[in-house]
Amino acid sequence: MDAAPLLELLTEQADAERSAVVEDAKAQAQLIHDAARKRTAHRRERSLAELESELLQLADRSRQRAHAEAEMIVKTTRDTITDELLQDVSAELLRIPGEPGFQDTLLALLAELMDDAQPGMTVLVPTAHQAACEQWLKDNGHSDLNVEAMPKLLDGVAVQDAKQSYRVTNTLSTRFHKQEASLRKHCLSALFGGEQ
């Protein structure tokens, strides 16, 4: 018997088995490769979705922060403008005592204080208007009260008890400062509208 055909047959079988093993290995490798690509694609899509979500959140936070900063700037600007306006009004009040018609205003402030005046009290008045205040007190039945000029008292009058334990002041500036909070609200509303 000739060994060549047997060898040829065995070689063919070996080649066929080897080809089958190689094809099977290629198929397995392709399956592994395809599964890896799918996992990678899925991870990439998930990562991109997470990144997009995070970017949207960052953009939203940045927008909220910018909005809050803008609101703070607007509020600060409104407050600054209102403060300047109220300071201008306060400064204007300090000019009023130098105007010719101030004495009538001063006597009206004095009349308001006389509702609570007690015998023995001292009336404190601006130096420049002492004579007019003394005359008004005399003309209105309060000549029993002492009158003292007080150089620092420019825009109104005050009364104090004999022991100097308390003083009631009625000046333009104190009246302004008592109303400053409501004036602030009014200014904000008048200048910028709406509830402030």
C-alpha atoms as a PDB file:
ATOM      1  CA  MET A   1       0.000   0.000   0.000  1.00  0.00           C
ATOM      2  CA  ASP A   2       1.051   3.351  -0.937  1.00  0.00           C
ATOM      3  CA  ALA A   3       1.265   5.836   1.960  1.00  0.00           C
ATOM      4  CA  ALA A   4       0.938   8.907  -0.196  1.00  0.00           C
ATOM      5  CA  PRO A   5      -2.847   8.809  -0.562  1.00  0.00           C
ATOM      6  CA  LEU A   6      -3.213   8.157   3.156  1.00  0.00           C
ATOM      7  CA  LEU A   7      -0.901  11.025   3.920  1.00  0.00           C
ATOM      8  CA  GLU A   8      -2.815  13.168   1.509  1.00  0.00           C
ATOM      9  CA  LEU A   9      -6.101  12.183   3.142  1.00  0.00           C
ATOM     10  CA  LEU A  10      -4.743  12.877   6.616  1.00  0.00           C
ATOM     11  CA  THR A  11      -3.337  16.209   5.418  1.00  0.00           C
ATOM     12  CA  GLU A  12      -6.684  17.169   3.933  1.00  0.00           C
ATOM     13  CA  GLN A  13      -8.466  16.189   7.135  1.00  0.00           C
ATOM     14  CA  ALA A  14      -5.919  18.124   9.195  1.00  0.00           C
ATOM     15  CA  ASP A  15      -6.291  21.140   6.892  1.00  0.00           C
ATOM     16  CA  ALA A  16     -10.075  20.893   7.132  1.00  0.00           C
ATOM     17  CA  GLU A  17      -9.965  20.621  10.939  1.00  0.00           C
ATOM     18  CA  ARG A  18      -7.452  23.452  11.110  1.00  0.00           C
ATOM     19  CA  SER A  19      -9.614  25.592   8.814  1.00  0.00           C
ATOM     20  CA  ALA A  20     -12.671  24.799  10.944  1.00  0.00           C
ATOM     21  CA  VAL A  21     -10.769  25.682  14.128  1.00  0.00           C
ATOM     22  CA  VAL A  22      -9.463  28.894  12.504  1.00  0.00           C
ATOM     23  CA  GLU A  23     -12.951  29.815  11.244  1.00  0.00           C
ATOM     24  CA  ASP A  24     -14.418  29.044  14.677  1.00  0.00           C
ATOM     25  CA  ALA A  25     -11.693  31.133  16.316  1.00  0.00           C
ATOM     26  CA  LYS A  26     -12.349  33.978  13.836  1.00  0.00           C
ATOM     27  CA  ALA A  27     -16.081  33.783  14.563  1.00  0.00           C
ATOM     28  CA  GLN A  28     -15.431  33.803  18.324  1.00  0.00           C
ATOM     29  CA  ALA A  29     -13.000  36.713  17.899  1.00  0.00           C
ATOM     30  CA  GLN A  30     -15.577  38.602  15.819  1.00  0.00           C
ATOM     31  CA  LEU A  31     -18.256  37.991  18.487  1.00  0.00           C
ATOM     32  CA  ILE A  32     -15.886  39.219  21.213  1.00  0.00           C
ATOM     33  CA  HIS A  33     -14.926  42.211  19.076  1.00  0.00           C
ATOM     34  CA  ASP A  34     -18.565  43.050  18.292  1.00  0.00           C
ATOM     35  CA  ALA A  35     -19.545  42.723  21.974  1.00  0.00           C
ATOM     36  CA  ALA A  36     -16.618  44.943  22.971  1.00  0.00           C
ATOM     37  CA  ARG A  37     -17.622  47.536  20.363  1.00  0.00           C
ATOM     38  CA  LYS A  38     -21.215  47.499  21.619  1.00  0.00           C
ATOM     39  CA  ARG A  39     -20.053  47.904  25.228  1.00  0.00           C
ATOM     40  CA  THR A  40     -17.714  50.706  24.205  1.00  0.00           C
ATOM     41  CA  ALA A  41     -20.423  52.413  22.164  1.00  0.00           C
ATOM     42  CA  HIS A  42     -22.883  52.053  25.048  1.00  0.00           C
ATOM     43  CA  ARG A  43     -20.327  53.444  27.535  1.00  0.00           C
ATOM     44  CA  ARG A  44     -19.515  56.318  25.168  1.00  0.00           C
ATOM     45  CA  GLU A  45     -23.218  57.141  24.709  1.00  0.00           C
ATOM     46  CA  ARG A  46     -23.818  56.939  28.462  1.00  0.00           C
ATOM     47  CA  SER A  47     -20.744  59.102  29.148  1.00  0.00           C
ATOM     48  CA  LEU A  48     -21.856  61.628  26.542  1.00  0.00           C
ATOM     49  CA  ALA A  49     -25.365  61.701  28.010  1.00  0.00           C
ATOM     50  CA  GLU A  50     -23.953  62.174  31.535  1.00  0.00           C
ATOM     51  CA  LEU A  51     -21.600  64.880  30.263  1.00  0.00           C
ATOM     52  CA  GLU A  52     -24.443  66.627  28.442  1.00  0.00           C
ATOM     53  CA  SER A  53     -26.597  66.447  31.579  1.00  0.00           C
ATOM     54  CA  GLU A  54     -23.750  67.826  33.683  1.00  0.00           C
ATOM     55  CA  LEU A  55     -23.143  70.613  31.160  1.00  0.00           C
ATOM     56  CA  LEU A  56     -26.847  71.514  31.231  1.00  0.00           C
ATOM     57  CA  GLN A  57     -26.760  71.587  35.039  1.00  0.00           C
ATOM     58  CA  LEU A  58     -23.629  73.753  34.997  1.00  0.00           C
ATOM     59  CA  ALA A  59     -25.227  76.091  32.463  1.00  0.00           C
ATOM     60  CA  ASP A  60     -28.380  76.286  34.580  1.00  0.00           C
ATOM     61  CA  ARG A  61     -26.376  77.020  37.746  1.00  0.00           C
ATOM     62  CA  SER A  62     -24.349  79.645  35.876  1.00  0.00           C
ATOM     63  CA  ARG A  63     -27.556  81.219  34.577  1.00  0.00           C
ATOM     64  CA  GLN A  64     -29.068  81.221  38.080  1.00  0.00           C
ATOM     65  CA  ARG A  65     -25.875  82.695  39.541  1.00  0.00           C
ATOM     66  CA  ALA A  66     -25.764  85.385  36.835  1.00  0.00           C
ATOM     67  CA  HIS A  67     -29.435  86.162  37.448  1.00  0.00           C
ATOM     68  CA  ALA A  68     -28.862  86.436  41.214  1.00  0.00           C
ATOM     69  CA  GLU A  69     -25.819  88.665  40.660  1.00  0.00           C
ATOM     70  CA  ALA A  70     -27.790  90.866  38.274  1.00  0.00           C
ATOM     71  CA  GLU A  71     -30.635  91.162  40.810  1.00  0.00           C
ATOM     72  CA  MET A  72     -28.102  92.088  43.513  1.00  0.00           C
ATOM     73  CA  ILE A  73     -26.568  94.751  41.260  1.00  0.00           C
ATOM     74  CA  VAL A  74     -30.015  96.174  40.485  1.00  0.00           C
ATOM     75  CA  LYS A  75     -30.943  96.188  44.188  1.00  0.00           C
ATOM     76  CA  THR A  76     -27.633  97.797  45.156  1.00  0.00           C
ATOM     77  CA  THR A  77     -28.044 100.417  42.434  1.00  0.00           C
ATOM     78  CA  ARG A  78     -31.610 101.183  43.555  1.00  0.00           C
ATOM     79  CA  ASP A  79     -30.480 101.432  47.191  1.00  0.00           C
ATOM     80  CA  THR A  80     -27.553 103.682  46.241  1.00  0.00           C
ATOM     81  CA  ILE A  81     -29.766 106.015  44.213  1.00  0.00           C
ATOM     82  CA  THR A  82     -32.336 106.125  47.035  1.00  0.00           C
ATOM     83  CA  ASP A  83     -29.617 106.767  49.643  1.00  0.00           C
ATOM     84  CA  GLU A  84     -28.231 109.621  47.554  1.00  0.00           C
ATOM     85  CA  LEU A  85     -31.697 111.102  47.155  1.00  0.00           C
ATOM     86  CA  LEU A  86     -32.385 110.895  50.896  1.00  0.00           C
ATOM     87  CA  GLN A  87     -28.965 112.444  51.608  1.00  0.00           C
ATOM     88  CA  ASP A  88     -29.835 115.288  49.234  1.00  0.00           C
ATOM     89  CA  VAL A  89     -33.126 115.815  51.080  1.00  0.00           C
ATOM     90  CA  SER A  90     -31.306 115.781  54.427  1.00  0.00           C
ATOM     91  CA  ALA A  91     -28.786 118.327  53.118  1.00  0.00           C
ATOM     92  CA  GLU A  92     -31.620 120.479  51.801  1.00  0.00           C
ATOM     93  CA  LEU A  93     -33.236 120.430  55.255  1.00  0.00           C
ATOM     94  CA  LEU A  94     -30.030 121.915  56.673  1.00  0.00           C
ATOM     95  CA  ARG A  95     -30.355 124.865  54.244  1.00  0.00           C
ATOM     96  CA  ILE A  96     -33.935 125.684  55.254  1.00  0.00           C
ATOM     97  CA  PRO A  97     -33.013 127.453  58.537  1.00  0.00           C
ATOM     98  CA  GLY A  98     -31.110 130.040  56.504  1.00  0.00           C
ATOM     99  CA  GLU A  99     -34.138 130.904  54.366  1.00  0.00           C
ATOM    100  CA  PRO A 100     -36.353 133.913  55.159  1.00  0.00           C
ATOM    101  CA  GLY A 101     -39.591 131.944  55.763  1.00  0.00           C
ATOM    102  CA  PHE A 102     -38.033 129.534  58.252  1.00  0.00           C
ATOM    103  CA  GLN A 103     -39.170 131.494  61.316  1.00  0.00           C
ATOM    104  CA  ASP A 104     -42.824 130.614  60.610  1.00  0.00           C
ATOM    105  CA  THR A 105     -41.871 126.932  60.396  1.00  0.00           C
ATOM    106  CA  LEU A 106     -39.888 127.201  63.623  1.00  0.00           C
ATOM    107  CA  LEU A 107     -42.820 128.785  65.458  1.00  0.00           C
ATOM    108  CA  ALA A 108     -45.097 125.975  64.202  1.00  0.00           C
ATOM    109  CA  LEU A 109     -42.603 123.413  65.585  1.00  0.00           C
ATOM    110  CA  LEU A 110     -42.587 125.350  68.878  1.00  0.00           C
ATOM    111  CA  ALA A 111     -46.401 125.362  69.029  1.00  0.00           C
ATOM    112  CA  GLU A 112     -46.435 121.553  68.662  1.00  0.00           C
ATOM    113  CA  LEU A 113     -44.076 121.176  71.628  1.00  0.00           C
ATOM    114  CA  MET A 114     -46.176 123.390  73.863  1.00  0.00           C
ATOM    115  CA  ASP A 115     -48.917 120.732  74.041  1.00  0.00           C
ATOM    116  CA  ASP A 116     -46.639 118.722  76.346  1.00  0.00           C
ATOM    117  CA  ALA A 117     -44.829 121.588  78.086  1.00  0.00           C
ATOM    118  CA  GLN A 118     -44.899 121.629  81.884  1.00  0.00           C
ATOM    119  CA  PRO A 119     -44.186 124.595  84.178  1.00  0.00           C
ATOM    120  CA  GLY A 120     -40.490 124.884  84.974  1.00  0.00           C
ATOM    121  CA  MET A 121     -39.364 123.393  81.689  1.00  0.00           C
ATOM    122  CA  THR A 122     -36.723 125.066  79.570  1.00  0.00           C
ATOM    123  CA  VAL A 123     -37.334 125.755  75.902  1.00  0.00           C
ATOM    124  CA  LEU A 124     -34.209 125.390  73.762  1.00  0.00           C
ATOM    125  CA  VAL A 125     -34.211 127.459  70.579  1.00  0.00           C
ATOM    126  CA  PRO A 126     -31.809 128.424  67.778  1.00  0.00           C
ATOM    127  CA  THR A 127     -29.727 131.437  68.713  1.00  0.00           C
ATOM    128  CA  ALA A 128     -30.813 133.397  65.629  1.00  0.00           C
ATOM    129  CA  HIS A 129     -34.498 133.012  66.533  1.00  0.00           C
ATOM    130  CA  GLN A 130     -34.420 133.389  70.323  1.00  0.00           C
ATOM    131  CA  ALA A 131     -36.231 136.746  70.405  1.00  0.00           C
ATOM    132  CA  ALA A 132     -39.012 135.547  68.068  1.00  0.00           C
ATOM    133  CA  CYS A 133     -39.506 132.362  70.135  1.00  0.00           C
ATOM    134  CA  GLU A 134     -39.620 134.329  73.423  1.00  0.00           C
ATOM    135  CA  GLN A 135     -42.216 136.662  71.914  1.00  0.00           C
ATOM    136  CA  TRP A 136     -44.327 133.750  70.647  1.00  0.00           C
ATOM    137  CA  LEU A 137     -44.228 132.079  74.083  1.00  0.00           C
ATOM    138  CA  LYS A 138     -45.275 135.349  75.747  1.00  0.00           C
ATOM    139  CA  ASP A 139     -48.083 135.926  73.236  1.00  0.00           C
ATOM    140  CA  ASN A 140     -49.396 132.378  73.687  1.00  0.00           C
ATOM    141  CA  GLY A 141     -49.458 132.176  77.485  1.00  0.00           C
ATOM    142  CA  HIS A 142     -46.148 130.410  78.090  1.00  0.00           C
ATOM    143  CA  SER A 143     -44.112 133.284  79.483  1.00  0.00           C
ATOM    144  CA  ASP A 144     -43.392 131.201  82.618  1.00  0.00           C
ATOM    145  CA  LEU A 145     -41.064 128.907  80.644  1.00  0.00           C
ATOM    146  CA  ASN A 146     -37.331 129.570  80.508  1.00  0.00           C
ATOM    147  CA  VAL A 147     -35.841 130.090  77.062  1.00  0.00           C
ATOM    148  CA  GLU A 148     -32.221 129.273  76.266  1.00  0.00           C
ATOM    149  CA  ALA A 149     -30.398 129.715  73.002  1.00  0.00           C
ATOM    150  CA  MET A 150     -28.682 126.539  71.863  1.00  0.00           C
ATOM    151  CA  PRO A 151     -26.149 127.172  69.060  1.00  0.00           C
ATOM    152  CA  LYS A 152     -26.140 123.537  67.861  1.00  0.00           C
ATOM    153  CA  LEU A 153     -29.929 123.533  67.508  1.00  0.00           C
ATOM    154  CA  LEU A 154     -30.438 124.961  64.029  1.00  0.00           C
ATOM    155  CA  ASP A 155     -33.589 123.512  62.484  1.00  0.00           C
ATOM    156  CA  GLY A 156     -36.094 123.310  65.326  1.00  0.00           C
ATOM    157  CA  VAL A 157     -36.754 123.548  69.039  1.00  0.00           C
ATOM    158  CA  ALA A 158     -36.644 121.359  72.125  1.00  0.00           C
ATOM    159  CA  VAL A 159     -37.947 121.338  75.686  1.00  0.00           C
ATOM    160  CA  GLN A 160     -36.288 119.742  78.674  1.00  0.00           C
ATOM    161  CA  ASP A 161     -37.294 119.322  82.267  1.00  0.00           C
ATOM    162  CA  ALA A 162     -35.711 121.375  85.047  1.00  0.00           C
ATOM    163  CA  LYS A 163     -33.473 118.459  86.118  1.00  0.00           C
ATOM    164  CA  GLN A 164     -32.353 117.951  82.509  1.00  0.00           C
ATOM    165  CA  SER A 165     -33.243 114.282  82.798  1.00  0.00           C
ATOM    166  CA  TYR A 166     -35.098 114.221  79.469  1.00  0.00           C
ATOM    167  CA  ARG A 167     -35.484 116.325  76.367  1.00  0.00           C
ATOM    168  CA  VAL A 168     -38.143 116.354  73.661  1.00  0.00           C
ATOM    169  CA  THR A 169     -36.858 117.608  70.335  1.00  0.00           C
ATOM    170  CA  ASN A 170     -38.932 118.840  67.416  1.00  0.00           C
ATOM    171  CA  THR A 171     -36.632 119.621  64.502  1.00  0.00           C
ATOM    172  CA  LEU A 172     -36.880 119.178  60.784  1.00  0.00           C
ATOM    173  CA  SER A 173     -33.972 116.716  60.811  1.00  0.00           C
ATOM    174  CA  THR A 174     -35.398 114.541  63.628  1.00  0.00           C
ATOM    175  CA  ARG A 175     -38.776 114.468  61.901  1.00  0.00           C
ATOM    176  CA  PHE A 176     -37.061 113.467  58.678  1.00  0.00           C
ATOM    177  CA  HIS A 177     -35.053 110.702  60.361  1.00  0.00           C
ATOM    178  CA  LYS A 178     -38.167 109.315  62.076  1.00  0.00           C
ATOM    179  CA  GLN A 179     -39.827 109.006  58.671  1.00  0.00           C
ATOM    180  CA  GLU A 180     -36.743 107.880  56.763  1.00  0.00           C
ATOM    181  CA  ALA A 181     -37.746 104.189  56.485  1.00  0.00           C
ATOM    182  CA  SER A 182     -41.172 105.006  55.046  1.00  0.00           C
ATOM    183  CA  LEU A 183     -39.637 107.697  52.834  1.00  0.00           C
ATOM    184  CA  ARG A 184     -37.157 105.097  51.554  1.00  0.00           C
ATOM    185  CA  LYS A 185     -40.016 102.758  50.600  1.00  0.00           C
ATOM    186  CA  HIS A 186     -41.869 105.623  48.943  1.00  0.00           C
ATOM    187  CA  CYS A 187     -38.768 106.678  46.977  1.00  0.00           C
ATOM    188  CA  LEU A 188     -38.096 103.115  45.811  1.00  0.00           C
ATOM    189  CA  SER A 189     -41.707 102.758  44.705  1.00  0.00           C
ATOM    190  CA  ALA A 190     -41.838 106.169  43.026  1.00  0.00           C
ATOM    191  CA  LEU A 191     -38.489 105.777  41.276  1.00  0.00           C
ATOM    192  CA  PHE A 192     -38.583 102.110  40.319  1.00  0.00           C
ATOM    193  CA  GLY A 193     -42.253 101.156  40.561  1.00  0.00           C
ATOM    194  CA  GLY A 194     -43.912  98.176  42.148  1.00  0.00           C
ATOM    195  CA  GLU A 195     -43.436  96.738  45.616  1.00  0.00           C
ATOM    196  CA  GLN A 196     -39.916  97.246  46.935  1.00  0.00           C
END
